[in-house]
Amino acid sequence: MDGRSEFVHITWLPKANMRVLISIFLLSLGALTFAGTPMPVEEKKIDYLIASIESLQNAQFVRNGVAYEAKAAADHLRLKRRMAGSLVATADDFIRLCASVSSTSGTPYQIRFSDGRVVSSETFMRERLAELLP
């Protein structure tokens, strides 16, 4: 070589095949992006689950041993949902990843009712979700 850069043009694929491969790649990328976005039906289910916590009267949401009122609990769940981003695509994902246990301590969330009953947040949410399913 004489020190000059030489560019090598690789033509191992015809242009038509290259276009097909690029199209498949772009469609796959779009599908992956879409896969992490909750469908409108799932969004409504998640909103319903959060509203079911927020509307609890005379109940406390226990997180890491501290009792919170319903509004504060709902706000916290909305924050966790936002922070989870594309990891939450379904209501089940939301229950499992955001509404069942503390992400810092691993301690399960609980709901303490005025009659003294204590139910895990996961159980409460799954019961509410079952109400929506036929």
Protein backbone atom coordinates (compact mmCIF):
# COMPACT_ATOMS: atom_id res chain seq x y z
CA MET A 1 0.00 0.00 0.00
CA ASP A 2 1.15 3.51 -0.69
CA GLY A 3 -0.26 5.05 2.53
CA ARG A 4 -3.53 6.24 1.00
CA SER A 5 -6.80 5.21 2.54
CA GLU A 6 -8.80 3.03 0.31
CA PHE A 7 -12.49 2.50 0.78
CA VAL A 8 -13.84 -0.91 0.10
CA HIS A 9 -17.40 -1.15 -1.04
CA ILE A 10 -18.91 -4.43 0.00
CA THR A 11 -21.59 -5.61 -2.36
CA TRP A 12 -22.44 -8.96 -0.90
CA LEU A 13 -26.15 -8.13 -0.81
CA PRO A 14 -28.20 -6.78 -3.67
CA LYS A 15 -29.82 -3.39 -2.91
CA ALA A 16 -33.32 -4.90 -2.85
CA ASN A 17 -32.29 -7.35 -0.12
CA MET A 18 -30.63 -4.57 1.86
CA ARG A 19 -33.87 -2.54 1.75
CA VAL A 20 -35.81 -5.56 3.03
CA LEU A 21 -33.33 -6.06 5.89
CA ILE A 22 -33.48 -2.38 6.84
CA SER A 23 -37.29 -2.46 6.75
CA ILE A 24 -37.39 -5.55 8.96
CA PHE A 25 -34.97 -3.93 11.40
CA LEU A 26 -37.04 -0.74 11.62
CA LEU A 27 -40.29 -2.67 12.08
CA SER A 28 -38.67 -4.79 14.81
CA LEU A 29 -37.44 -1.67 16.56
CA GLY A 30 -40.95 -0.22 16.44
CA ALA A 31 -42.42 -3.44 17.80
CA LEU A 32 -39.97 -3.44 20.71
CA THR A 33 -40.86 0.15 21.53
CA PHE A 34 -44.55 -0.64 21.33
CA ALA A 35 -44.15 -3.78 23.46
CA GLY A 36 -43.16 -1.67 26.47
CA THR A 37 -46.09 0.71 26.12
CA PRO A 38 -49.29 -0.23 27.93
CA MET A 39 -52.31 -0.72 25.70
CA PRO A 40 -55.25 1.62 26.41
CA VAL A 41 -57.19 -1.23 28.04
CA GLU A 42 -54.27 -2.03 30.34
CA GLU A 43 -53.84 1.68 31.16
CA LYS A 44 -57.47 1.79 32.24
CA LYS A 45 -57.00 -1.29 34.41
CA ILE A 46 -53.96 0.27 36.09
CA ASP A 47 -55.84 3.54 36.61
CA TYR A 48 -58.71 1.55 38.13
CA LEU A 49 -56.34 -0.25 40.52
CA ILE A 50 -54.80 3.02 41.70
CA ALA A 51 -58.26 4.59 42.07
CA SER A 52 -59.37 1.61 44.15
CA ILE A 53 -56.57 2.39 46.62
CA GLU A 54 -57.19 6.14 46.52
CA SER A 55 -60.91 5.71 47.24
CA LEU A 56 -60.42 3.54 50.33
CA GLN A 57 -62.01 5.18 53.34
CA ASN A 58 -60.90 4.48 56.89
CA ALA A 59 -58.03 2.32 55.66
CA GLN A 60 -54.29 2.79 55.72
CA PHE A 61 -51.67 1.74 53.22
CA VAL A 62 -48.67 0.34 55.11
CA ARG A 63 -45.31 0.74 53.40
CA ASN A 64 -42.08 -0.19 55.21
CA GLY A 65 -43.89 -0.19 58.55
CA VAL A 66 -45.32 3.33 58.10
CA ALA A 67 -49.05 3.88 57.58
CA TYR A 68 -50.16 6.29 54.84
CA GLU A 69 -53.55 7.66 53.93
CA ALA A 70 -55.15 6.54 50.68
CA LYS A 71 -54.29 9.68 48.68
CA ALA A 72 -50.58 9.48 49.61
CA ALA A 73 -50.54 5.77 48.76
CA ALA A 74 -52.10 6.42 45.34
CA ASP A 75 -49.59 9.20 44.66
CA HIS A 76 -46.74 6.85 45.57
CA LEU A 77 -48.08 4.14 43.24
CA ARG A 78 -48.37 6.66 40.40
CA LEU A 79 -44.75 7.66 40.99
CA LYS A 80 -43.58 4.03 40.96
CA ARG A 81 -45.56 3.44 37.78
CA ARG A 82 -43.90 6.43 36.12
CA MET A 83 -40.45 5.35 37.29
CA ALA A 84 -40.98 1.79 36.02
CA GLY A 85 -41.57 3.16 32.53
CA SER A 86 -41.71 0.55 29.80
CA LEU A 87 -41.35 -2.31 32.29
CA VAL A 88 -45.05 -1.89 33.06
CA ALA A 89 -47.10 -2.89 30.01
CA THR A 90 -50.00 -4.67 31.76
CA ALA A 91 -52.00 -4.43 34.96
CA ASP A 92 -50.27 -7.60 36.11
CA ASP A 93 -46.88 -5.94 35.55
CA PHE A 94 -48.07 -2.98 37.60
CA ILE A 95 -49.18 -5.19 40.50
CA ARG A 96 -46.01 -7.26 40.41
CA LEU A 97 -43.49 -4.46 39.89
CA CYS A 98 -45.06 -1.42 41.53
CA ALA A 99 -47.90 -2.24 43.89
CA SER A 100 -46.86 -5.32 45.87
CA VAL A 101 -43.57 -4.74 47.63
CA SER A 102 -41.17 -1.97 48.54
CA SER A 103 -38.44 -1.69 45.95
CA THR A 104 -36.03 -0.52 48.65
CA SER A 105 -36.65 -3.06 51.42
CA GLY A 106 -38.52 -5.88 49.66
CA THR A 107 -41.20 -5.70 52.37
CA PRO A 108 -44.72 -6.43 51.08
CA TYR A 109 -47.16 -3.52 51.10
CA GLN A 110 -50.24 -4.01 53.26
CA ILE A 111 -53.66 -2.42 53.62
CA ARG A 112 -55.03 -2.08 57.14
CA PHE A 113 -58.80 -1.66 57.26
CA SER A 114 -60.72 0.10 60.02
CA ASP A 115 -62.10 -3.24 61.27
CA GLY A 116 -58.53 -4.42 61.93
CA ARG A 117 -58.19 -6.68 58.89
CA VAL A 118 -54.82 -6.55 57.17
CA VAL A 119 -54.51 -7.65 53.55
CA SER A 120 -51.47 -7.63 51.34
CA SER A 121 -51.63 -4.97 48.66
CA GLU A 122 -51.05 -7.65 46.05
CA THR A 123 -54.07 -9.65 47.21
CA PHE A 124 -56.23 -6.52 47.28
CA MET A 125 -55.13 -5.49 43.77
CA ARG A 126 -55.59 -8.96 42.30
CA GLU A 127 -59.11 -9.13 43.75
CA ARG A 128 -59.93 -5.73 42.21
CA LEU A 129 -58.47 -6.82 38.88
CA ALA A 130 -60.55 -10.03 38.97
CA GLU A 131 -63.68 -7.85 39.31
CA LEU A 132 -62.91 -6.39 35.88
CA LEU A 133 -62.47 -9.71 34.12
CA PRO A 134 -65.52 -11.60 32.83
